[in-house]
Amino acid sequence: MGEVHIGPRDEVRANKKGRKSRPSNTVRIKQKNKKTTVLGEGSNSALVPLALMFGALSMFVGQAAAFHFFQDGGLAPITPPEVIAPYIQYAPLAIGGTLAALFMWTFRLSGFLRSAALIAGCAAVFVYHVELVQKVPGLYTGFFTKEYVASVLTKV
């Protein structure tokens, strides 16, 4: 197993190790290096698709929240003041952009490729909103209303 020696070290053995200083009777215990995992230090091949997904998800949530807050048929309609009423069309960008910024800050996706992927995910869902409603109307019916999905489908 091992031996425990109490007292000063043997001076002959201490000087043979090549130390030029005086031998001491201190014992040093090496600590194990703790492995720390820093969030956001993964490879881009794993985090860029994640950032793309977070961007798309945040813009989808922004569109759903803007619908439910500022359109008829929403769950919690709010009547905005006349000063900001013309800018309500940008509410999905504001809500989705804020959510995307929170995802970027939380998961440390602030590198160039990761930020670009996050913005690309937001832009894809914002630009291709009508096409996405056409491809998966059931999903949009679950988060919006049947009337909204029907009106988007008839506009095309």
N, C-alpha and C. Protein backbone atom coordinates (compact mmCIF):
# COMPACT_ATOMS: atom_id res chain seq x y z
N MET A 1 0.84 -1.19 0.00
CA MET A 1 0.00 0.00 0.00
C MET A 1 0.88 1.24 0.00
N GLY A 2 1.45 1.60 1.11
CA GLY A 2 2.27 2.79 1.17
C GLY A 2 2.83 2.97 2.56
N GLU A 3 3.77 3.88 2.68
CA GLU A 3 4.39 4.15 3.97
C GLU A 3 4.20 5.62 4.31
N VAL A 4 4.06 5.89 5.58
CA VAL A 4 3.94 7.25 6.05
C VAL A 4 5.18 7.54 6.88
N HIS A 5 5.92 8.56 6.52
CA HIS A 5 7.11 8.95 7.25
C HIS A 5 6.83 10.27 7.95
N ILE A 6 7.17 10.32 9.20
CA ILE A 6 6.97 11.54 9.98
C ILE A 6 8.34 12.09 10.31
N GLY A 7 8.51 13.38 10.13
CA GLY A 7 9.78 14.01 10.43
C GLY A 7 10.38 14.61 9.17
N PRO A 8 11.57 15.18 9.29
CA PRO A 8 12.20 15.82 8.12
C PRO A 8 12.64 14.78 7.10
N ARG A 9 12.76 15.21 5.87
CA ARG A 9 13.18 14.32 4.81
C ARG A 9 14.65 13.97 4.95
N ASP A 10 14.99 12.88 4.39
CA ASP A 10 16.39 12.47 4.39
C ASP A 10 17.16 13.43 3.50
N GLU A 11 18.18 14.11 4.05
CA GLU A 11 18.89 15.15 3.31
C GLU A 11 19.64 14.60 2.12
N VAL A 12 20.14 13.39 2.22
CA VAL A 12 20.90 12.81 1.12
C VAL A 12 19.96 12.55 -0.05
N ARG A 13 18.84 11.98 0.22
CA ARG A 13 17.87 11.70 -0.86
C ARG A 13 17.31 12.99 -1.43
N ALA A 14 17.10 14.00 -0.60
CA ALA A 14 16.54 15.26 -1.08
C ALA A 14 17.51 15.98 -2.00
N ASN A 15 18.79 15.92 -1.69
CA ASN A 15 19.78 16.60 -2.51
C ASN A 15 20.09 15.83 -3.79
N LYS A 16 19.82 14.55 -3.83
CA LYS A 16 20.07 13.77 -5.05
C LYS A 16 19.06 14.07 -6.15
N LYS A 17 17.93 14.65 -5.80
CA LYS A 17 16.91 14.92 -6.81
C LYS A 17 17.26 16.13 -7.66
N GLY A 18 18.37 16.74 -7.41
CA GLY A 18 18.81 17.84 -8.25
C GLY A 18 18.35 19.19 -7.75
N ARG A 19 17.82 19.25 -6.59
CA ARG A 19 17.38 20.54 -6.05
C ARG A 19 18.57 21.25 -5.45
N LYS A 20 18.70 22.49 -5.76
CA LYS A 20 19.83 23.26 -5.23
C LYS A 20 19.47 23.95 -3.92
N SER A 21 18.19 24.04 -3.62
CA SER A 21 17.78 24.71 -2.40
C SER A 21 17.87 23.75 -1.22
N ARG A 22 17.70 24.30 -0.06
CA ARG A 22 17.75 23.48 1.14
C ARG A 22 16.58 22.51 1.16
N PRO A 23 16.79 21.33 1.65
CA PRO A 23 15.68 20.39 1.76
C PRO A 23 14.70 20.89 2.83
N SER A 24 13.44 20.66 2.58
CA SER A 24 12.44 21.10 3.54
C SER A 24 11.60 19.89 3.96
N ASN A 25 10.87 20.07 4.99
CA ASN A 25 10.03 18.98 5.46
C ASN A 25 8.55 19.26 5.16
N THR A 26 8.28 19.99 4.10
CA THR A 26 6.90 20.25 3.72
C THR A 26 6.42 19.18 2.75
N VAL A 27 5.19 18.88 2.85
CA VAL A 27 4.58 17.89 1.97
C VAL A 27 3.57 18.61 1.09
N ARG A 28 3.65 18.39 -0.18
CA ARG A 28 2.70 19.00 -1.11
C ARG A 28 1.81 17.91 -1.68
N ILE A 29 0.55 18.15 -1.59
CA ILE A 29 -0.42 17.21 -2.15
C ILE A 29 -0.94 17.83 -3.44
N LYS A 30 -0.81 17.09 -4.51
CA LYS A 30 -1.29 17.59 -5.80
C LYS A 30 -2.79 17.42 -5.86
N GLN A 31 -3.45 18.48 -6.31
CA GLN A 31 -4.89 18.40 -6.49
C GLN A 31 -5.18 17.96 -7.92
N LYS A 32 -6.26 17.22 -8.06
CA LYS A 32 -6.67 16.83 -9.39
C LYS A 32 -7.25 18.04 -10.11
N ASN A 33 -6.90 18.18 -11.35
CA ASN A 33 -7.45 19.28 -12.13
C ASN A 33 -8.91 18.99 -12.42
N LYS A 34 -9.75 19.92 -12.03
CA LYS A 34 -11.18 19.75 -12.27
C LYS A 34 -11.47 20.15 -13.72
N LYS A 35 -12.23 19.33 -14.37
CA LYS A 35 -12.59 19.62 -15.75
C LYS A 35 -13.77 20.58 -15.74
N THR A 36 -13.57 21.72 -16.35
CA THR A 36 -14.64 22.69 -16.44
C THR A 36 -15.12 22.76 -17.88
N THR A 37 -16.41 22.70 -18.03
CA THR A 37 -17.00 22.79 -19.35
C THR A 37 -17.56 24.19 -19.52
N VAL A 38 -17.06 24.89 -20.50
CA VAL A 38 -17.52 26.24 -20.76
C VAL A 38 -18.54 26.18 -21.88
N LEU A 39 -19.71 26.74 -21.60
CA LEU A 39 -20.79 26.73 -22.57
C LEU A 39 -20.40 27.59 -23.76
N GLY A 40 -20.59 27.11 -24.95
CA GLY A 40 -20.29 27.88 -26.15
C GLY A 40 -18.92 27.63 -26.72
N GLU A 41 -18.13 26.74 -26.13
CA GLU A 41 -16.82 26.45 -26.66
C GLU A 41 -16.82 25.17 -27.49
N GLY A 42 -17.98 24.77 -27.96
CA GLY A 42 -18.07 23.58 -28.80
C GLY A 42 -17.66 23.91 -30.22
N SER A 43 -17.68 22.91 -31.05
CA SER A 43 -17.30 23.12 -32.44
C SER A 43 -18.44 23.78 -33.20
N ASN A 44 -18.08 24.47 -34.26
CA ASN A 44 -19.09 25.13 -35.08
C ASN A 44 -19.99 24.11 -35.77
N SER A 45 -19.45 22.93 -36.04
CA SER A 45 -20.28 21.93 -36.72
C SER A 45 -21.46 21.49 -35.85
N ALA A 46 -21.35 21.63 -34.55
CA ALA A 46 -22.46 21.29 -33.67
C ALA A 46 -23.30 22.50 -33.30
N LEU A 47 -22.66 23.66 -33.13
CA LEU A 47 -23.39 24.82 -32.64
C LEU A 47 -24.04 25.67 -33.72
N VAL A 48 -23.56 25.60 -34.95
CA VAL A 48 -24.19 26.38 -36.02
C VAL A 48 -25.60 25.85 -36.34
N PRO A 49 -25.81 24.53 -36.47
CA PRO A 49 -27.20 24.07 -36.65
C PRO A 49 -28.10 24.38 -35.46
N LEU A 50 -27.53 24.35 -34.27
CA LEU A 50 -28.30 24.70 -33.08
C LEU A 50 -28.69 26.17 -33.12
N ALA A 51 -27.77 27.03 -33.53
CA ALA A 51 -28.08 28.46 -33.65
C ALA A 51 -29.13 28.71 -34.73
N LEU A 52 -29.05 27.97 -35.83
CA LEU A 52 -30.05 28.09 -36.90
C LEU A 52 -31.43 27.71 -36.37
N MET A 53 -31.48 26.64 -35.60
CA MET A 53 -32.75 26.19 -35.03
C MET A 53 -33.29 27.20 -34.01
N PHE A 54 -32.41 27.74 -33.16
CA PHE A 54 -32.84 28.74 -32.18
C PHE A 54 -33.37 29.99 -32.87
N GLY A 55 -32.73 30.40 -33.96
CA GLY A 55 -33.19 31.57 -34.69
C GLY A 55 -34.57 31.35 -35.29
N ALA A 56 -34.77 30.18 -35.91
CA ALA A 56 -36.07 29.87 -36.50
C ALA A 56 -37.14 29.77 -35.43
N LEU A 57 -36.82 29.14 -34.33
CA LEU A 57 -37.78 28.99 -33.24
C LEU A 57 -38.15 30.34 -32.65
N SER A 58 -37.17 31.21 -32.46
CA SER A 58 -37.47 32.51 -31.86
C SER A 58 -38.34 33.37 -32.78
N MET A 59 -38.11 33.30 -34.09
CA MET A 59 -38.96 34.07 -34.99
C MET A 59 -40.36 33.49 -35.06
N PHE A 60 -40.48 32.18 -35.01
CA PHE A 60 -41.82 31.55 -34.97
C PHE A 60 -42.58 31.99 -33.72
N VAL A 61 -41.91 32.00 -32.58
CA VAL A 61 -42.54 32.45 -31.34
C VAL A 61 -42.89 33.93 -31.43
N GLY A 62 -42.01 34.72 -32.07
CA GLY A 62 -42.30 36.14 -32.26
C GLY A 62 -43.54 36.36 -33.11
N GLN A 63 -43.70 35.57 -34.16
CA GLN A 63 -44.88 35.69 -35.01
C GLN A 63 -46.14 35.26 -34.26
N ALA A 64 -46.05 34.18 -33.52
CA ALA A 64 -47.22 33.72 -32.76
C ALA A 64 -47.59 34.72 -31.67
N ALA A 65 -46.60 35.27 -30.99
CA ALA A 65 -46.88 36.24 -29.93
C ALA A 65 -47.48 37.52 -30.51
N ALA A 66 -46.94 37.98 -31.63
CA ALA A 66 -47.49 39.19 -32.25
C ALA A 66 -48.92 38.95 -32.71
N PHE A 67 -49.21 37.76 -33.21
CA PHE A 67 -50.58 37.45 -33.61
C PHE A 67 -51.52 37.49 -32.41
N HIS A 68 -51.12 36.83 -31.32
CA HIS A 68 -52.01 36.74 -30.17
C HIS A 68 -52.13 38.05 -29.41
N PHE A 69 -51.15 38.94 -29.53
CA PHE A 69 -51.22 40.22 -28.84
C PHE A 69 -51.89 41.32 -29.67
N PHE A 70 -51.66 41.34 -30.97
CA PHE A 70 -52.03 42.51 -31.75
C PHE A 70 -53.03 42.26 -32.88
N GLN A 71 -53.57 41.06 -33.03
CA GLN A 71 -54.55 40.82 -34.09
C GLN A 71 -55.85 40.31 -33.50
N ASP A 72 -56.93 40.53 -34.25
CA ASP A 72 -58.23 40.01 -33.82
C ASP A 72 -58.19 38.50 -33.85
N GLY A 73 -58.77 37.88 -32.86
CA GLY A 73 -58.79 36.43 -32.78
C GLY A 73 -57.65 35.88 -31.95
N GLY A 74 -56.78 36.75 -31.44
CA GLY A 74 -55.67 36.30 -30.60
C GLY A 74 -56.14 36.00 -29.18
N LEU A 75 -55.29 35.37 -28.41
CA LEU A 75 -55.67 34.98 -27.05
C LEU A 75 -55.74 36.17 -26.09
N ALA A 76 -54.83 37.11 -26.23
CA ALA A 76 -54.78 38.26 -25.33
C ALA A 76 -54.59 39.53 -26.15
N PRO A 77 -55.62 39.96 -26.88
CA PRO A 77 -55.44 41.14 -27.74
C PRO A 77 -55.23 42.41 -26.94
N ILE A 78 -54.25 43.19 -27.37
CA ILE A 78 -53.92 44.46 -26.75
C ILE A 78 -54.17 45.54 -27.78
N THR A 79 -54.82 46.60 -27.38
CA THR A 79 -55.01 47.72 -28.28
C THR A 79 -53.83 48.66 -28.11
N PRO A 80 -52.97 48.76 -29.12
CA PRO A 80 -51.79 49.62 -28.98
C PRO A 80 -52.18 51.10 -29.11
N PRO A 81 -51.41 51.99 -28.53
CA PRO A 81 -51.66 53.42 -28.71
C PRO A 81 -51.49 53.81 -30.18
N GLU A 82 -52.12 54.90 -30.56
CA GLU A 82 -52.08 55.33 -31.95
C GLU A 82 -50.66 55.69 -32.40
N VAL A 83 -49.81 56.03 -31.47
CA VAL A 83 -48.44 56.43 -31.82
C VAL A 83 -47.66 55.24 -32.37
N ILE A 84 -47.85 54.06 -31.78
CA ILE A 84 -47.10 52.90 -32.24
C ILE A 84 -47.90 51.97 -33.14
N ALA A 85 -49.15 52.31 -33.38
CA ALA A 85 -50.01 51.45 -34.21
C ALA A 85 -49.44 51.21 -35.61
N PRO A 86 -48.82 52.20 -36.28
CA PRO A 86 -48.27 51.91 -37.61
C PRO A 86 -47.08 50.95 -37.58
N TYR A 87 -46.46 50.80 -36.42
CA TYR A 87 -45.26 49.97 -36.32
C TYR A 87 -45.54 48.57 -35.81
N ILE A 88 -46.82 48.21 -35.64
CA ILE A 88 -47.18 46.89 -35.14
C ILE A 88 -46.77 45.80 -36.12
N GLN A 89 -46.64 46.13 -37.38
CA GLN A 89 -46.22 45.13 -38.35
C GLN A 89 -44.81 44.62 -38.08
N TYR A 90 -44.03 45.39 -37.33
CA TYR A 90 -42.67 44.97 -36.98
C TYR A 90 -42.59 44.27 -35.63
N ALA A 91 -43.73 44.01 -35.01
CA ALA A 91 -43.74 43.34 -33.70
C ALA A 91 -43.12 41.95 -33.74
N PRO A 92 -43.37 41.13 -34.79
CA PRO A 92 -42.70 39.82 -34.81
C PRO A 92 -41.18 39.94 -34.84
N LEU A 93 -40.67 40.95 -35.54
CA LEU A 93 -39.22 41.15 -35.57
C LEU A 93 -38.69 41.56 -34.19
N ALA A 94 -39.43 42.42 -33.51
CA ALA A 94 -38.98 42.87 -32.20
C ALA A 94 -39.02 41.73 -31.18
N ILE A 95 -40.11 40.98 -31.17
CA ILE A 95 -40.24 39.89 -30.20
C ILE A 95 -39.27 38.76 -30.54
N GLY A 96 -39.24 38.37 -31.81
CA GLY A 96 -38.34 37.29 -32.22
C GLY A 96 -36.88 37.69 -32.10
N GLY A 97 -36.55 38.94 -32.43
CA GLY A 97 -35.17 39.40 -32.30
C GLY A 97 -34.70 39.44 -30.86
N THR A 98 -35.59 39.87 -29.97
CA THR A 98 -35.25 39.88 -28.54
C THR A 98 -35.03 38.47 -28.03
N LEU A 99 -35.90 37.57 -28.43
CA LEU A 99 -35.75 36.17 -28.01
C LEU A 99 -34.47 35.56 -28.58
N ALA A 100 -34.15 35.88 -29.83
CA ALA A 100 -32.92 35.37 -30.44
C ALA A 100 -31.69 35.93 -29.72
N ALA A 101 -31.74 37.21 -29.35
CA ALA A 101 -30.62 37.80 -28.61
C ALA A 101 -30.45 37.13 -27.25
N LEU A 102 -31.56 36.78 -26.62
CA LEU A 102 -31.46 36.07 -25.34
C LEU A 102 -30.87 34.68 -25.52
N PHE A 103 -31.27 33.99 -26.60
CA PHE A 103 -30.66 32.68 -26.88
C PHE A 103 -29.17 32.84 -27.14
N MET A 104 -28.78 33.88 -27.88
CA MET A 104 -27.37 34.10 -28.20
C MET A 104 -26.58 34.35 -26.92
N TRP A 105 -27.14 35.13 -26.02
CA TRP A 105 -26.44 35.45 -24.79
C TRP A 105 -26.38 34.23 -23.86
N THR A 106 -27.49 33.50 -23.76
CA THR A 106 -27.55 32.37 -22.83
C THR A 106 -26.61 31.24 -23.25
N PHE A 107 -26.62 30.91 -24.54
CA PHE A 107 -25.83 29.78 -25.02
C PHE A 107 -24.50 30.21 -25.63
N ARG A 108 -24.14 31.47 -25.47
CA ARG A 108 -22.87 32.02 -25.96
C ARG A 108 -22.64 31.71 -27.43
N LEU A 109 -23.60 32.11 -28.24
CA LEU A 109 -23.52 31.91 -29.68
C LEU A 109 -23.08 33.18 -30.37
N SER A 110 -22.13 33.90 -29.78
CA SER A 110 -21.77 35.21 -30.30
C SER A 110 -20.64 35.18 -31.32
N GLY A 111 -20.16 34.03 -31.73
CA GLY A 111 -19.17 33.97 -32.79
C GLY A 111 -19.80 34.36 -34.12
N PHE A 112 -18.98 34.66 -35.11
CA PHE A 112 -19.50 35.15 -36.38
C PHE A 112 -20.41 34.13 -37.06
N LEU A 113 -19.95 32.90 -37.20
CA LEU A 113 -20.77 31.88 -37.87
C LEU A 113 -22.04 31.57 -37.08
N ARG A 114 -21.92 31.53 -35.77
CA ARG A 114 -23.08 31.22 -34.95
C ARG A 114 -24.11 32.35 -34.99
N SER A 115 -23.63 33.59 -34.94
CA SER A 115 -24.54 34.74 -35.05
C SER A 115 -25.20 34.79 -36.41
N ALA A 116 -24.42 34.51 -37.44
CA ALA A 116 -24.98 34.51 -38.80
C ALA A 116 -26.03 33.41 -38.95
N ALA A 117 -25.79 32.26 -38.34
CA ALA A 117 -26.78 31.18 -38.40
C ALA A 117 -28.04 31.55 -37.64
N LEU A 118 -27.89 32.21 -36.51
CA LEU A 118 -29.05 32.65 -35.73
C LEU A 118 -29.89 33.64 -36.52
N ILE A 119 -29.23 34.60 -37.15
CA ILE A 119 -29.94 35.60 -37.96
C ILE A 119 -30.56 34.95 -39.19
N ALA A 120 -29.87 34.00 -39.79
CA ALA A 120 -30.41 33.31 -40.96
C ALA A 120 -31.66 32.51 -40.60
N GLY A 121 -31.67 31.88 -39.44
CA GLY A 121 -32.86 31.15 -38.99
C GLY A 121 -34.04 32.08 -38.78
N CYS A 122 -33.78 33.25 -38.17
CA CYS A 122 -34.85 34.24 -37.99
C CYS A 122 -35.37 34.72 -39.34
N ALA A 123 -34.46 35.04 -40.25
CA ALA A 123 -34.86 35.56 -41.56
C ALA A 123 -35.62 34.53 -42.37
N ALA A 124 -35.21 33.28 -42.29
CA ALA A 124 -35.88 32.23 -43.07
C ALA A 124 -37.33 32.07 -42.66
N VAL A 125 -37.59 32.05 -41.37
CA VAL A 125 -38.97 31.89 -40.91
C VAL A 125 -39.78 33.15 -41.20
N PHE A 126 -39.15 34.32 -41.09
CA PHE A 126 -39.88 35.56 -41.36
C PHE A 126 -40.22 35.70 -42.85
N VAL A 127 -39.28 35.39 -43.72
CA VAL A 127 -39.50 35.56 -45.16
C VAL A 127 -40.40 34.47 -45.72
N TYR A 128 -40.20 33.25 -45.30
CA TYR A 128 -40.95 32.12 -45.85
C TYR A 128 -42.15 31.73 -44.99
N HIS A 129 -42.73 32.68 -44.30
CA HIS A 129 -43.86 32.41 -43.42
C HIS A 129 -45.04 31.81 -44.18
N VAL A 130 -45.40 32.39 -45.31
CA VAL A 130 -46.55 31.91 -46.08
C VAL A 130 -46.29 30.50 -46.62
N GLU A 131 -45.08 30.25 -47.12
CA GLU A 131 -44.76 28.92 -47.63
C GLU A 131 -44.78 27.87 -46.52
N LEU A 132 -44.35 28.28 -45.33
CA LEU A 132 -44.38 27.34 -44.21
C LEU A 132 -45.81 27.03 -43.78
N VAL A 133 -46.69 28.03 -43.85
CA VAL A 133 -48.09 27.77 -43.53
C VAL A 133 -48.69 26.81 -44.54
N GLN A 134 -48.30 26.93 -45.81
CA GLN A 134 -48.80 26.01 -46.84
C GLN A 134 -48.29 24.59 -46.62
N LYS A 135 -47.03 24.45 -46.22
CA LYS A 135 -46.45 23.12 -46.06
C LYS A 135 -46.95 22.41 -44.81
N VAL A 136 -47.07 23.12 -43.71
CA VAL A 136 -47.51 22.50 -42.45
C VAL A 136 -48.65 23.31 -41.83
N PRO A 137 -49.82 23.28 -42.43
CA PRO A 137 -50.92 24.09 -41.86
C PRO A 137 -51.38 23.60 -40.50
N GLY A 138 -51.22 22.31 -40.23
CA GLY A 138 -51.64 21.78 -38.93
C GLY A 138 -50.85 22.37 -37.78
N LEU A 139 -49.56 22.56 -37.98
CA LEU A 139 -48.72 23.17 -36.96
C LEU A 139 -49.14 24.60 -36.69
N TYR A 140 -49.38 25.35 -37.76
CA TYR A 140 -49.78 26.74 -37.59
C TYR A 140 -51.19 26.84 -37.02
N THR A 141 -52.05 25.89 -37.31
CA THR A 141 -53.38 25.90 -36.71
C THR A 141 -53.28 25.71 -35.20
N GLY A 142 -52.33 24.90 -34.76
CA GLY A 142 -52.16 24.67 -33.33
C GLY A 142 -51.66 25.90 -32.58
N PHE A 143 -50.85 26.72 -33.22
CA PHE A 143 -50.27 27.87 -32.53
C PHE A 143 -50.99 29.17 -32.85
N PHE A 144 -51.66 29.24 -34.00
CA PHE A 144 -52.43 30.42 -34.37
C PHE A 144 -53.91 30.02 -34.26
N THR A 145 -54.72 30.37 -35.22
CA THR A 145 -56.11 29.92 -35.24
C THR A 145 -56.43 29.36 -36.62
N LYS A 146 -57.52 28.62 -36.71
CA LYS A 146 -57.91 28.05 -38.01
C LYS A 146 -58.26 29.17 -38.99
N GLU A 147 -58.86 30.23 -38.51
CA GLU A 147 -59.22 31.34 -39.37
C GLU A 147 -57.99 32.02 -39.95
N TYR A 148 -56.94 32.17 -39.13
CA TYR A 148 -55.71 32.79 -39.62
C TYR A 148 -55.07 31.93 -40.70
N VAL A 149 -55.00 30.66 -40.48
CA VAL A 149 -54.40 29.74 -41.46
C VAL A 149 -55.22 29.75 -42.74
N ALA A 150 -56.55 29.75 -42.61
CA ALA A 150 -57.40 29.78 -43.82
C ALA A 150 -57.22 31.08 -44.59
N SER A 151 -57.07 32.20 -43.86
CA SER A 151 -56.88 33.47 -44.57
C SER A 151 -55.51 33.54 -45.25
N VAL A 152 -54.49 32.97 -44.65
CA VAL A 152 -53.16 32.95 -45.30
C VAL A 152 -53.20 32.04 -46.53
N LEU A 153 -53.88 30.92 -46.43
CA LEU A 153 -53.94 29.99 -47.55
C LEU A 153 -54.76 30.56 -48.72
N THR A 154 -55.80 31.36 -48.42
CA THR A 154 -56.60 31.93 -49.51
C THR A 154 -55.92 33.12 -50.17
N LYS A 155 -54.98 33.78 -49.47
CA LYS A 155 -54.26 34.92 -50.06
C LYS A 155 -53.29 34.47 -51.14
N VAL A 156 -52.85 33.24 -51.06
CA VAL A 156 -51.83 32.76 -52.01
C VAL A 156 -52.44 32.29 -53.27
